[in-house]
C-alpha atoms as a PDB file:
ATOM      1  CA  UNK A   1      28.379  40.612 -39.480  1.00  0.00           C
ATOM      2  CA  UNK A   2      28.317  42.563 -36.201  1.00  0.00           C
ATOM      3  CA  UNK A   3      25.605  41.203 -33.878  1.00  0.00           C
ATOM      4  CA  UNK A   4      26.402  43.634 -31.045  1.00  0.00           C
ATOM      5  CA  UNK A   5      23.380  45.942 -31.673  1.00  0.00           C
ATOM      6  CA  UNK A   6      21.034  42.957 -31.744  1.00  0.00           C
ATOM      7  CA  UNK A   7      22.444  41.590 -28.489  1.00  0.00           C
ATOM      8  CA  UNK A   8      21.920  44.994 -26.892  1.00  0.00           C
ATOM      9  CA  UNK A   9      18.298  45.107 -28.047  1.00  0.00           C
ATOM     10  CA  UNK A  10      17.714  41.542 -26.816  1.00  0.00           C
ATOM     11  CA  UNK A  11      19.159  42.373 -23.393  1.00  0.00           C
ATOM     12  CA  UNK A  12      17.020  45.519 -23.216  1.00  0.00           C
ATOM     13  CA  UNK A  13      13.856  43.562 -24.031  1.00  0.00           C
ATOM     14  CA  UNK A  14      14.810  40.878 -21.511  1.00  0.00           C
ATOM     15  CA  UNK A  15      15.276  43.551 -18.843  1.00  0.00           C
ATOM     16  CA  UNK A  16      11.820  44.987 -19.599  1.00  0.00           C
ATOM     17  CA  UNK A  17      10.329  41.479 -19.320  1.00  0.00           C
ATOM     18  CA  UNK A  18      11.995  40.905 -15.929  1.00  0.00           C
ATOM     19  CA  UNK A  19      10.687  44.236 -14.598  1.00  0.00           C
ATOM     20  CA  UNK A  20       7.212  43.393 -15.904  1.00  0.00           C
ATOM     21  CA  UNK A  21       7.220  39.992 -14.147  1.00  0.00           C
ATOM     22  CA  UNK A  22       8.404  41.572 -10.876  1.00  0.00           C
ATOM     23  CA  UNK A  23       5.731  44.285 -11.156  1.00  0.00           C
ATOM     24  CA  UNK A  24       2.955  41.710 -11.762  1.00  0.00           C
ATOM     25  CA  UNK A  25       4.163  39.581  -8.830  1.00  0.00           C
ATOM     26  CA  UNK A  26       4.145  42.567  -6.462  1.00  0.00           C
ATOM     27  CA  UNK A  27       0.728  43.629  -7.726  1.00  0.00           C
ATOM     28  CA  UNK A  28      -0.658  40.112  -7.188  1.00  0.00           C
ATOM     29  CA  UNK A  29       0.849  39.930  -3.687  1.00  0.00           C
ATOM     30  CA  UNK A  30      -0.628  43.318  -2.841  1.00  0.00           C
ATOM     31  CA  UNK A  31      -4.020  42.182  -4.164  1.00  0.00           C
ATOM     32  CA  UNK A  32      -3.865  38.956  -2.127  1.00  0.00           C
ATOM     33  CA  UNK A  33      -2.918  40.967   0.962  1.00  0.00           C
ATOM     34  CA  UNK A  34      -5.887  43.279   0.385  1.00  0.00           C
ATOM     35  CA  UNK A  35      -8.185  40.260   0.018  1.00  0.00           C
ATOM     36  CA  UNK A  36      -6.867  38.852   3.301  1.00  0.00           C
ATOM     37  CA  UNK A  37      -7.759  42.078   5.078  1.00  0.00           C
ATOM     38  CA  UNK A  38     -11.089  42.390   3.310  1.00  0.00           C
ATOM     39  CA  UNK A  39     -13.205  39.834   5.188  1.00  0.00           C
ATOM     40  CA  UNK A  40     -12.650  41.215   8.721  1.00  0.00           C
ATOM     41  CA  UNK A  41     -13.527  44.650   7.380  1.00  0.00           C
ATOM     42  CA  UNK A  42     -16.584  43.335   5.538  1.00  0.00           C
ATOM     43  CA  UNK A  43     -17.809  41.544   8.664  1.00  0.00           C
ATOM     44  CA  UNK A  44     -17.195  44.528  10.924  1.00  0.00           C
ATOM     45  CA  UNK A  45     -20.895  44.999  11.728  1.00  0.00           C
ATOM     46  CA  UNK A  46     -21.216  41.436  12.959  1.00  0.00           C
ATOM     47  CA  UNK A  47     -17.864  41.515  14.746  1.00  0.00           C
ATOM     48  CA  UNK A  48     -18.587  44.813  16.497  1.00  0.00           C
ATOM     49  CA  UNK A  49     -21.984  43.612  17.624  1.00  0.00           C
ATOM     50  CA  UNK A  50     -21.071  40.024  18.493  1.00  0.00           C
ATOM     51  CA  UNK A  51     -17.530  40.223  19.829  1.00  0.00           C
ATOM     52  CA  UNK A  52     -17.849  43.619  21.513  1.00  0.00           C
ATOM     53  CA  UNK A  53     -20.877  42.441  23.447  1.00  0.00           C
ATOM     54  CA  UNK A  54     -18.976  39.364  24.610  1.00  0.00           C
ATOM     55  CA  UNK A  55     -15.929  41.454  25.567  1.00  0.00           C
ATOM     56  CA  UNK A  56     -18.064  43.929  27.510  1.00  0.00           C
ATOM     57  CA  UNK A  57     -19.858  41.104  29.284  1.00  0.00           C
ATOM     58  CA  UNK A  58     -16.592  39.459  30.318  1.00  0.00           C
ATOM     59  CA  UNK A  59     -15.194  42.793  31.554  1.00  0.00           C
ATOM     60  CA  UNK A  60     -18.105  43.432  33.895  1.00  0.00           C
ATOM     61  CA  UNK A  61     -18.460  39.808  35.069  1.00  0.00           C
ATOM     62  CA  UNK A  62     -16.589  38.884  38.202  1.00  0.00           C
ATOM     63  CA  UNK A  63     -17.063  35.117  38.068  1.00  0.00           C
ATOM     64  CA  UNK A  64     -18.057  32.203  35.886  1.00  0.00           C
ATOM     65  CA  UNK A  65     -21.610  31.403  36.911  1.00  0.00           C
ATOM     66  CA  UNK A  66     -25.058  30.666  35.478  1.00  0.00           C
ATOM     67  CA  UNK A  67     -25.838  34.355  35.046  1.00  0.00           C
ATOM     68  CA  UNK A  68     -22.778  34.788  32.782  1.00  0.00           C
ATOM     69  CA  UNK A  69     -23.735  31.756  30.693  1.00  0.00           C
ATOM     70  CA  UNK A  70     -27.327  32.962  30.275  1.00  0.00           C
ATOM     71  CA  UNK A  71     -26.150  36.390  29.127  1.00  0.00           C
ATOM     72  CA  UNK A  72     -23.755  34.746  26.647  1.00  0.00           C
ATOM     73  CA  UNK A  73     -26.691  32.746  25.343  1.00  0.00           C
ATOM     74  CA  UNK A  74     -28.631  35.964  24.732  1.00  0.00           C
ATOM     75  CA  UNK A  75     -25.709  37.429  22.762  1.00  0.00           C
ATOM     76  CA  UNK A  76     -25.496  34.329  20.560  1.00  0.00           C
ATOM     77  CA  UNK A  77     -29.207  34.509  19.847  1.00  0.00           C
ATOM     78  CA  UNK A  78     -28.956  38.211  18.970  1.00  0.00           C
ATOM     79  CA  UNK A  79     -26.197  37.348  16.470  1.00  0.00           C
ATOM     80  CA  UNK A  80     -28.789  35.127  14.744  1.00  0.00           C
ATOM     81  CA  UNK A  81     -26.921  31.889  15.334  1.00  0.00           C
ATOM     82  CA  UNK A  82     -30.263  30.189  15.889  1.00  0.00           C
ATOM     83  CA  UNK A  83     -31.998  28.595  18.867  1.00  0.00           C
ATOM     84  CA  UNK A  84     -30.843  24.997  18.280  1.00  0.00           C
ATOM     85  CA  UNK A  85     -27.214  25.848  17.476  1.00  0.00           C
ATOM     86  CA  UNK A  86     -27.022  28.318  20.376  1.00  0.00           C
ATOM     87  CA  UNK A  87     -28.349  25.609  22.696  1.00  0.00           C
ATOM     88  CA  UNK A  88     -25.685  23.159  21.520  1.00  0.00           C
ATOM     89  CA  UNK A  89     -22.919  25.764  21.946  1.00  0.00           C
ATOM     90  CA  UNK A  90     -24.032  26.618  25.475  1.00  0.00           C
ATOM     91  CA  UNK A  91     -24.298  22.929  26.386  1.00  0.00           C
ATOM     92  CA  UNK A  92     -20.725  22.367  25.182  1.00  0.00           C
ATOM     93  CA  UNK A  93     -19.540  25.438  27.075  1.00  0.00           C
ATOM     94  CA  UNK A  94     -21.086  24.173  30.339  1.00  0.00           C
ATOM     95  CA  UNK A  95     -19.411  20.791  29.840  1.00  0.00           C
ATOM     96  CA  UNK A  96     -16.002  22.361  29.186  1.00  0.00           C
ATOM     97  CA  UNK A  97     -16.312  24.655  32.200  1.00  0.00           C
ATOM     98  CA  UNK A  98     -17.080  21.633  34.371  1.00  0.00           C
ATOM     99  CA  UNK A  99     -14.411  19.339  32.881  1.00  0.00           C
ATOM    100  CA  UNK A 100     -11.620  21.947  32.906  1.00  0.00           C
ATOM    101  CA  UNK A 101     -12.780  23.556  36.140  1.00  0.00           C
ATOM    102  CA  UNK A 102     -12.727  26.982  34.548  1.00  0.00           C
ATOM    103  CA  UNK A 103     -13.013  29.857  36.996  1.00  0.00           C
ATOM    104  CA  UNK A 104     -11.334  32.680  35.059  1.00  0.00           C
ATOM    105  CA  UNK A 105     -13.831  34.802  33.156  1.00  0.00           C
ATOM    106  CA  UNK A 106     -11.329  35.646  30.408  1.00  0.00           C
ATOM    107  CA  UNK A 107     -10.953  31.956  29.545  1.00  0.00           C
ATOM    108  CA  UNK A 108     -14.572  31.869  28.367  1.00  0.00           C
ATOM    109  CA  UNK A 109     -13.834  33.770  25.163  1.00  0.00           C
ATOM    110  CA  UNK A 110     -11.217  31.281  23.942  1.00  0.00           C
ATOM    111  CA  UNK A 111     -13.445  28.360  24.917  1.00  0.00           C
ATOM    112  CA  UNK A 112     -16.329  29.859  22.971  1.00  0.00           C
ATOM    113  CA  UNK A 113     -14.138  30.314  19.906  1.00  0.00           C
ATOM    114  CA  UNK A 114     -12.914  26.715  20.124  1.00  0.00           C
ATOM    115  CA  UNK A 115     -16.469  25.369  20.411  1.00  0.00           C
ATOM    116  CA  UNK A 116     -17.773  27.358  17.440  1.00  0.00           C
ATOM    117  CA  UNK A 117     -14.794  26.464  15.243  1.00  0.00           C
ATOM    118  CA  UNK A 118     -15.066  22.795  16.206  1.00  0.00           C
ATOM    119  CA  UNK A 119     -18.805  22.833  15.552  1.00  0.00           C
ATOM    120  CA  UNK A 120     -18.392  24.320  12.079  1.00  0.00           C
ATOM    121  CA  UNK A 121     -15.329  22.283  11.150  1.00  0.00           C
ATOM    122  CA  UNK A 122     -17.043  19.027  12.047  1.00  0.00           C
ATOM    123  CA  UNK A 123     -20.077  20.036  10.016  1.00  0.00           C
ATOM    124  CA  UNK A 124     -18.135  21.019   6.898  1.00  0.00           C
ATOM    125  CA  UNK A 125     -15.992  18.517   5.035  1.00  0.00           C
ATOM    126  CA  UNK A 126     -12.965  19.775   3.107  1.00  0.00           C
ATOM    127  CA  UNK A 127     -14.795  20.160  -0.192  1.00  0.00           C
ATOM    128  CA  UNK A 128     -18.456  20.192   0.801  1.00  0.00           C
ATOM    129  CA  UNK A 129     -18.634  23.977   1.139  1.00  0.00           C
ATOM    130  CA  UNK A 130     -16.932  24.601  -2.204  1.00  0.00           C
ATOM    131  CA  UNK A 131     -18.605  24.904  -5.577  1.00  0.00           C
ATOM    132  CA  UNK A 132     -18.493  21.747  -7.670  1.00  0.00           C
ATOM    133  CA  UNK A 133     -15.587  22.050 -10.100  1.00  0.00           C
ATOM    134  CA  UNK A 134     -16.806  22.092 -13.717  1.00  0.00           C
ATOM    135  CA  UNK A 135     -15.704  18.838 -15.380  1.00  0.00           C
ATOM    136  CA  UNK A 136     -18.110  18.619 -18.313  1.00  0.00           C
ATOM    137  CA  UNK A 137     -19.527  21.053 -20.858  1.00  0.00           C
ATOM    138  CA  UNK A 138     -21.759  22.754 -20.110  1.00  0.00           C
ATOM    139  CA  UNK A 139     -21.586  22.835 -16.317  1.00  0.00           C
ATOM    140  CA  UNK A 140     -25.044  24.001 -15.230  1.00  0.00           C
ATOM    141  CA  UNK A 141     -25.766  25.992 -12.057  1.00  0.00           C
ATOM    142  CA  UNK A 142     -29.374  26.747 -11.159  1.00  0.00           C
ATOM    143  CA  UNK A 143     -30.149  29.697  -8.871  1.00  0.00           C
ATOM    144  CA  UNK A 144     -33.322  29.910  -6.785  1.00  0.00           C
ATOM    145  CA  UNK A 145     -34.552  32.318  -4.125  1.00  0.00           C
ATOM    146  CA  UNK A 146     -37.243  34.883  -3.440  1.00  0.00           C
ATOM    147  CA  UNK A 147     -37.125  38.305  -5.086  1.00  0.00           C
ATOM    148  CA  UNK A 148     -34.778  40.913  -3.672  1.00  0.00           C
ATOM    149  CA  UNK A 149     -32.221  38.569  -2.090  1.00  0.00           C
ATOM    150  CA  UNK A 150     -29.440  39.377  -4.565  1.00  0.00           C
ATOM    151  CA  UNK A 151     -29.874  36.431  -6.937  1.00  0.00           C
ATOM    152  CA  UNK A 152     -29.167  38.388 -10.127  1.00  0.00           C
ATOM    153  CA  UNK A 153     -26.163  40.126  -8.555  1.00  0.00           C
ATOM    154  CA  UNK A 154     -24.747  36.785  -7.425  1.00  0.00           C
ATOM    155  CA  UNK A 155     -25.114  35.333 -10.919  1.00  0.00           C
ATOM    156  CA  UNK A 156     -23.315  38.359 -12.390  1.00  0.00           C
ATOM    157  CA  UNK A 157     -20.447  38.132  -9.912  1.00  0.00           C
ATOM    158  CA  UNK A 158     -20.015  34.386 -10.418  1.00  0.00           C
ATOM    159  CA  UNK A 159     -20.123  34.826 -14.198  1.00  0.00           C
ATOM    160  CA  UNK A 160     -17.322  37.373 -13.891  1.00  0.00           C
ATOM    161  CA  UNK A 161     -15.274  34.974 -11.763  1.00  0.00           C
ATOM    162  CA  UNK A 162     -15.573  32.146 -14.276  1.00  0.00           C
ATOM    163  CA  UNK A 163     -14.785  34.533 -17.128  1.00  0.00           C
ATOM    164  CA  UNK A 164     -11.622  35.650 -15.290  1.00  0.00           C
ATOM    165  CA  UNK A 165     -10.637  31.973 -15.062  1.00  0.00           C
ATOM    166  CA  UNK A 166     -10.737  31.813 -18.851  1.00  0.00           C
ATOM    167  CA  UNK A 167     -14.009  29.872 -19.081  1.00  0.00           C
ATOM    168  CA  UNK A 168     -16.799  30.640 -21.533  1.00  0.00           C
ATOM    169  CA  UNK A 169     -20.011  31.552 -19.706  1.00  0.00           C
ATOM    170  CA  UNK A 170     -23.663  31.866 -20.641  1.00  0.00           C
ATOM    171  CA  UNK A 171     -26.484  33.329 -18.541  1.00  0.00           C
ATOM    172  CA  UNK A 172     -30.077  32.230 -19.093  1.00  0.00           C
ATOM    173  CA  UNK A 173     -32.807  34.685 -18.008  1.00  0.00           C
ATOM    174  CA  UNK A 174     -35.277  32.150 -16.628  1.00  0.00           C
ATOM    175  CA  UNK A 175     -37.145  34.699 -14.514  1.00  0.00           C
ATOM    176  CA  UNK A 176     -39.647  35.715 -17.182  1.00  0.00           C
ATOM    177  CA  UNK A 177     -42.219  36.754 -14.577  1.00  0.00           C
ATOM    178  CA  UNK A 178     -40.586  40.187 -14.101  1.00  0.00           C
ATOM    179  CA  UNK A 179     -39.307  42.409 -16.907  1.00  0.00           C
ATOM    180  CA  UNK A 180     -36.901  44.018 -14.418  1.00  0.00           C
ATOM    181  CA  UNK A 181     -35.228  40.648 -13.777  1.00  0.00           C
ATOM    182  CA  UNK A 182     -34.435  40.242 -17.484  1.00  0.00           C
ATOM    183  CA  UNK A 183     -33.116  43.808 -17.719  1.00  0.00           C
ATOM    184  CA  UNK A 184     -30.947  43.443 -14.608  1.00  0.00           C
ATOM    185  CA  UNK A 185     -29.437  40.168 -15.800  1.00  0.00           C
ATOM    186  CA  UNK A 186     -28.701  41.751 -19.182  1.00  0.00           C
ATOM    187  CA  UNK A 187     -26.805  44.570 -17.457  1.00  0.00           C
ATOM    188  CA  UNK A 188     -24.778  42.049 -15.459  1.00  0.00           C
ATOM    189  CA  UNK A 189     -24.010  40.020 -18.595  1.00  0.00           C
ATOM    190  CA  UNK A 190     -22.556  43.172 -20.151  1.00  0.00           C
ATOM    191  CA  UNK A 191     -20.542  43.982 -17.033  1.00  0.00           C
ATOM    192  CA  UNK A 192     -19.144  40.457 -16.827  1.00  0.00           C
ATOM    193  CA  UNK A 193     -18.638  40.228 -20.587  1.00  0.00           C
ATOM    194  CA  UNK A 194     -20.603  36.987 -21.065  1.00  0.00           C
ATOM    195  CA  UNK A 195     -23.411  35.750 -23.304  1.00  0.00           C
ATOM    196  CA  UNK A 196     -27.064  35.846 -22.297  1.00  0.00           C
ATOM    197  CA  UNK A 197     -30.109  34.001 -23.635  1.00  0.00           C
ATOM    198  CA  UNK A 198     -33.386  35.796 -22.967  1.00  0.00           C
ATOM    199  CA  UNK A 199     -36.893  36.383 -24.266  1.00  0.00           C
ATOM    200  CA  UNK A 200     -39.563  38.948 -23.479  1.00  0.00           C
ATOM    201  CA  UNK A 201     -41.461  39.103 -20.190  1.00  0.00           C
ATOM    202  CA  UNK A 202     -44.216  36.513 -19.941  1.00  0.00           C
ATOM    203  CA  UNK A 203     -42.429  33.934 -22.088  1.00  0.00           C
ATOM    204  CA  UNK A 204     -42.422  30.329 -20.934  1.00  0.00           C
ATOM    205  CA  UNK A 205     -39.402  30.030 -18.640  1.00  0.00           C
ATOM    206  CA  UNK A 206     -38.828  26.359 -19.426  1.00  0.00           C
ATOM    207  CA  UNK A 207     -38.760  27.134 -23.160  1.00  0.00           C
ATOM    208  CA  UNK A 208     -36.180  29.904 -22.643  1.00  0.00           C
ATOM    209  CA  UNK A 209     -34.008  27.541 -20.604  1.00  0.00           C
ATOM    210  CA  UNK A 210     -34.378  24.756 -23.197  1.00  0.00           C
ATOM    211  CA  UNK A 211     -33.247  27.106 -25.973  1.00  0.00           C
ATOM    212  CA  UNK A 212     -30.373  28.381 -23.861  1.00  0.00           C
ATOM    213  CA  UNK A 213     -29.025  24.946 -22.955  1.00  0.00           C
ATOM    214  CA  UNK A 214     -29.340  23.744 -26.554  1.00  0.00           C
ATOM    215  CA  UNK A 215     -27.352  26.786 -27.689  1.00  0.00           C
ATOM    216  CA  UNK A 216     -24.761  26.224 -24.937  1.00  0.00           C
ATOM    217  CA  UNK A 217     -24.170  22.658 -26.115  1.00  0.00           C
ATOM    218  CA  UNK A 218     -23.875  23.782 -29.737  1.00  0.00           C
ATOM    219  CA  UNK A 219     -21.421  26.575 -28.827  1.00  0.00           C
ATOM    220  CA  UNK A 220     -19.480  24.358 -26.388  1.00  0.00           C
ATOM    221  CA  UNK A 221     -19.983  26.770 -23.466  1.00  0.00           C
ATOM    222  CA  UNK A 222     -18.124  25.853 -20.264  1.00  0.00           C
ATOM    223  CA  UNK A 223     -20.541  27.176 -17.630  1.00  0.00           C
ATOM    224  CA  UNK A 224     -24.253  28.019 -17.764  1.00  0.00           C
ATOM    225  CA  UNK A 225     -25.849  30.090 -14.981  1.00  0.00           C
ATOM    226  CA  UNK A 226     -29.662  29.959 -14.858  1.00  0.00           C
ATOM    227  CA  UNK A 227     -31.808  32.584 -13.144  1.00  0.00           C
ATOM    228  CA  UNK A 228     -35.321  31.614 -12.005  1.00  0.00           C
ATOM    229  CA  UNK A 229     -38.394  33.401 -10.740  1.00  0.00           C
ATOM    230  CA  UNK A 230     -38.658  34.152  -7.036  1.00  0.00           C
ATOM    231  CA  UNK A 231     -42.311  35.098  -7.126  1.00  0.00           C
ATOM    232  CA  UNK A 232     -45.423  33.947  -8.964  1.00  0.00           C
ATOM    233  CA  UNK A 233     -49.128  34.551  -8.622  1.00  0.00           C
ATOM    234  CA  UNK A 234     -49.206  31.862  -5.936  1.00  0.00           C
ATOM    235  CA  UNK A 235     -46.701  29.678  -4.122  1.00  0.00           C
ATOM    236  CA  UNK A 236     -48.146  26.665  -5.966  1.00  0.00           C
ATOM    237  CA  UNK A 237     -47.507  28.322  -9.344  1.00  0.00           C
ATOM    238  CA  UNK A 238     -43.908  29.099  -8.371  1.00  0.00           C
ATOM    239  CA  UNK A 239     -43.159  25.555  -7.205  1.00  0.00           C
ATOM    240  CA  UNK A 240     -44.788  24.039 -10.291  1.00  0.00           C
ATOM    241  CA  UNK A 241     -42.716  26.276 -12.569  1.00  0.00           C
ATOM    242  CA  UNK A 242     -39.477  25.361 -10.776  1.00  0.00           C
ATOM    243  CA  UNK A 243     -40.290  21.644 -11.097  1.00  0.00           C
ATOM    244  CA  UNK A 244     -40.941  22.190 -14.789  1.00  0.00           C
ATOM    245  CA  UNK A 245     -37.620  24.028 -15.116  1.00  0.00           C
ATOM    246  CA  UNK A 246     -35.721  21.128 -13.515  1.00  0.00           C
ATOM    247  CA  UNK A 247     -37.467  18.596 -15.774  1.00  0.00           C
ATOM    248  CA  UNK A 248     -36.563  20.697 -18.823  1.00  0.00           C
ATOM    249  CA  UNK A 249     -32.902  20.927 -17.785  1.00  0.00           C
ATOM    250  CA  UNK A 250     -32.740  17.143 -17.399  1.00  0.00           C
ATOM    251  CA  UNK A 251     -34.307  16.592 -20.806  1.00  0.00           C
ATOM    252  CA  UNK A 252     -31.393  18.437 -22.391  1.00  0.00           C
ATOM    253  CA  UNK A 253     -28.643  17.395 -19.950  1.00  0.00           C
ATOM    254  CA  UNK A 254     -29.728  14.417 -17.780  1.00  0.00           C
ATOM    255  CA  UNK A 255     -27.063  14.914 -15.114  1.00  0.00           C
ATOM    256  CA  UNK A 256     -27.800  18.641 -14.711  1.00  0.00           C
ATOM    257  CA  UNK A 257     -28.183  20.871 -12.828  1.00  0.00           C
ATOM    258  CA  UNK A 258     -24.768  20.174 -11.339  1.00  0.00           C
ATOM    259  CA  UNK A 259     -25.474  22.710  -8.591  1.00  0.00           C
ATOM    260  CA  UNK A 260     -28.730  24.188  -7.284  1.00  0.00           C
ATOM    261  CA  UNK A 261     -27.932  27.188  -5.108  1.00  0.00           C
ATOM    262  CA  UNK A 262     -30.381  28.949  -2.818  1.00  0.00           C
ATOM    263  CA  UNK A 263     -29.559  32.643  -2.495  1.00  0.00           C
ATOM    264  CA  UNK A 264     -30.455  34.049   0.921  1.00  0.00           C
ATOM    265  CA  UNK A 265     -30.296  37.664   2.114  1.00  0.00           C
ATOM    266  CA  UNK A 266     -28.166  37.578   5.283  1.00  0.00           C
ATOM    267  CA  UNK A 267     -29.782  40.769   6.587  1.00  0.00           C
ATOM    268  CA  UNK A 268     -33.089  38.928   7.058  1.00  0.00           C
ATOM    269  CA  UNK A 269     -31.392  36.306   9.219  1.00  0.00           C
ATOM    270  CA  UNK A 270     -33.002  33.112  10.428  1.00  0.00           C
ATOM    271  CA  UNK A 271     -36.367  34.036   8.913  1.00  0.00           C
ATOM    272  CA  UNK A 272     -34.825  33.744   5.456  1.00  0.00           C
ATOM    273  CA  UNK A 273     -33.768  30.167   6.085  1.00  0.00           C
ATOM    274  CA  UNK A 274     -37.364  29.040   6.162  1.00  0.00           C
ATOM    275  CA  UNK A 275     -37.067  29.504   2.393  1.00  0.00           C
ATOM    276  CA  UNK A 276     -34.861  26.404   2.279  1.00  0.00           C
ATOM    277  CA  UNK A 277     -37.844  24.215   3.111  1.00  0.00           C
ATOM    278  CA  UNK A 278     -39.980  26.053   0.550  1.00  0.00           C
ATOM    279  CA  UNK A 279     -37.568  25.679  -2.371  1.00  0.00           C
ATOM    280  CA  UNK A 280     -36.555  22.141  -1.437  1.00  0.00           C
ATOM    281  CA  UNK A 281     -40.090  21.137  -2.327  1.00  0.00           C
ATOM    282  CA  UNK A 282     -39.232  21.719  -5.982  1.00  0.00           C
ATOM    283  CA  UNK A 283     -35.424  21.708  -6.207  1.00  0.00           C
ATOM    284  CA  UNK A 284     -32.794  19.696  -4.353  1.00  0.00           C
ATOM    285  CA  UNK A 285     -30.646  22.466  -2.889  1.00  0.00           C
ATOM    286  CA  UNK A 286     -26.903  21.721  -2.964  1.00  0.00           C
ATOM    287  CA  UNK A 287     -25.774  24.826  -1.096  1.00  0.00           C
ATOM    288  CA  UNK A 288     -26.471  28.320   0.152  1.00  0.00           C
ATOM    289  CA  UNK A 289     -25.241  31.667  -1.120  1.00  0.00           C
ATOM    290  CA  UNK A 290     -25.409  34.288   1.640  1.00  0.00           C
ATOM    291  CA  UNK A 291     -25.684  37.723   0.047  1.00  0.00           C
ATOM    292  CA  UNK A 292     -25.253  41.105   1.766  1.00  0.00           C
ATOM    293  CA  UNK A 293     -23.271  39.577   4.633  1.00  0.00           C
ATOM    294  CA  UNK A 294     -21.332  42.835   4.962  1.00  0.00           C
ATOM    295  CA  UNK A 295     -24.542  44.746   5.696  1.00  0.00           C
ATOM    296  CA  UNK A 296     -25.732  42.889   8.769  1.00  0.00           C
ATOM    297  CA  UNK A 297     -24.854  42.612  12.452  1.00  0.00           C
ATOM    298  CA  UNK A 298     -26.373  39.123  12.413  1.00  0.00           C
ATOM    299  CA  UNK A 299     -23.643  37.289  10.523  1.00  0.00           C
ATOM    300  CA  UNK A 300     -23.892  34.514  13.090  1.00  0.00           C
ATOM    301  CA  UNK A 301     -26.459  33.027  10.734  1.00  0.00           C
ATOM    302  CA  UNK A 302     -23.493  31.355   8.995  1.00  0.00           C
ATOM    303  CA  UNK A 303     -22.755  29.316  12.131  1.00  0.00           C
ATOM    304  CA  UNK A 304     -26.257  27.921  12.358  1.00  0.00           C
ATOM    305  CA  UNK A 305     -27.081  27.161   8.742  1.00  0.00           C
ATOM    306  CA  UNK A 306     -25.300  23.835   8.230  1.00  0.00           C
ATOM    307  CA  UNK A 307     -25.788  22.714  11.834  1.00  0.00           C
ATOM    308  CA  UNK A 308     -29.517  23.403  11.756  1.00  0.00           C
ATOM    309  CA  UNK A 309     -30.480  22.902   8.113  1.00  0.00           C
ATOM    310  CA  UNK A 310     -27.776  20.496   6.905  1.00  0.00           C
ATOM    311  CA  UNK A 311     -26.888  22.805   4.027  1.00  0.00           C
ATOM    312  CA  UNK A 312     -23.363  24.100   3.346  1.00  0.00           C
ATOM    313  CA  UNK A 313     -22.695  27.793   2.799  1.00  0.00           C
ATOM    314  CA  UNK A 314     -20.736  27.845  -0.469  1.00  0.00           C
ATOM    315  CA  UNK A 315     -20.472  31.541  -1.312  1.00  0.00           C
ATOM    316  CA  UNK A 316     -20.823  34.812   0.566  1.00  0.00           C
ATOM    317  CA  UNK A 317     -21.545  38.233  -0.894  1.00  0.00           C
ATOM    318  CA  UNK A 318     -19.578  40.930   0.914  1.00  0.00           C
ATOM    319  CA  UNK A 319     -20.009  44.092  -1.137  1.00  0.00           C
ATOM    320  CA  UNK A 320     -21.225  45.808  -4.283  1.00  0.00           C
ATOM    321  CA  UNK A 321     -18.126  45.318  -6.455  1.00  0.00           C
ATOM    322  CA  UNK A 322     -18.201  42.646  -9.146  1.00  0.00           C
ATOM    323  CA  UNK A 323     -15.353  40.865  -7.322  1.00  0.00           C
ATOM    324  CA  UNK A 324     -17.136  40.901  -3.935  1.00  0.00           C
ATOM    325  CA  UNK A 325     -18.174  37.231  -4.016  1.00  0.00           C
ATOM    326  CA  UNK A 326     -16.050  34.957  -1.865  1.00  0.00           C
ATOM    327  CA  UNK A 327     -15.793  31.233  -1.270  1.00  0.00           C
ATOM    328  CA  UNK A 328     -16.817  30.532   2.286  1.00  0.00           C
ATOM    329  CA  UNK A 329     -13.928  29.348   4.459  1.00  0.00           C
ATOM    330  CA  UNK A 330     -14.654  28.267   8.038  1.00  0.00           C
ATOM    331  CA  UNK A 331     -11.316  29.254   9.588  1.00  0.00           C
ATOM    332  CA  UNK A 332     -11.228  32.564   7.735  1.00  0.00           C
ATOM    333  CA  UNK A 333     -14.723  33.370   8.989  1.00  0.00           C
ATOM    334  CA  UNK A 334     -13.886  32.463  12.601  1.00  0.00           C
ATOM    335  CA  UNK A 335     -10.689  34.534  12.474  1.00  0.00           C
ATOM    336  CA  UNK A 336     -12.609  37.487  11.033  1.00  0.00           C
ATOM    337  CA  UNK A 337     -14.979  37.352  14.006  1.00  0.00           C
ATOM    338  CA  UNK A 338     -12.586  36.651  16.867  1.00  0.00           C
ATOM    339  CA  UNK A 339      -9.146  38.057  15.951  1.00  0.00           C
END
């Protein structure tokens, strides 16, 4: 029997497979390259405001003196780094100027970068500012935050990410106070292609969450993302409901929630961080999600959060696309601001 035709077909198919692999590799490399360029572009408002002001100040300054340091302090405060963190940065800068006998104005920029990077690197351990890796089923993440900060959007984007990783995902619409919250989460569940457990507006949030977690266990879901209310009739009502939610979660899964993330709108700056104290009354916050970071000139808030509030930034929202949710990386952030 002549196998020549079959060999030819096999070689042809092999050639197609090789071209396909090469094409996918180039596409992935191009995508990774685009992602590398994305953060500096997304943080352009902060960079233009923060770094340009520093550059202009150094250009017009003739010497390193107290006036220069005070004006640098004003720029740091305008970038929303925070009073305490700004004070610590300026103190370190004065010490370095004295120790290294710095007289060249241009040297100040590199010293400032070193201080900020050192400050953030010492505050963040290798894994502290990363999401906890799911190791049990279901892995439960609770989201809290006031209305309008981008909580629902963040849940949708993270659901999409987990789905792309091949994990099964379920959303639970625990914000039953607003009908719009349930509708928005439903839209995101459809976009991300994941399950959602919901009931009508006014339902008991704890009951919805109980039903959702029970279903997740039965269906062997990998990751459960729980939305919660950001507003109630009173602050007391809101805090009581969140405490009830946490108790309900622990009744079903004692070790959950595995993460409790506070979503904060970066455009509201330091004022938004007062919410950390508010929500910590009811939920032990494990990390911060900074949404809308691409839309603010006050991205310096990232520098002050952990230093001032002892909370790691775990995720940053940098756009409207479903893929515009990034893990926060200290060195990448510093490079995006200074390079």
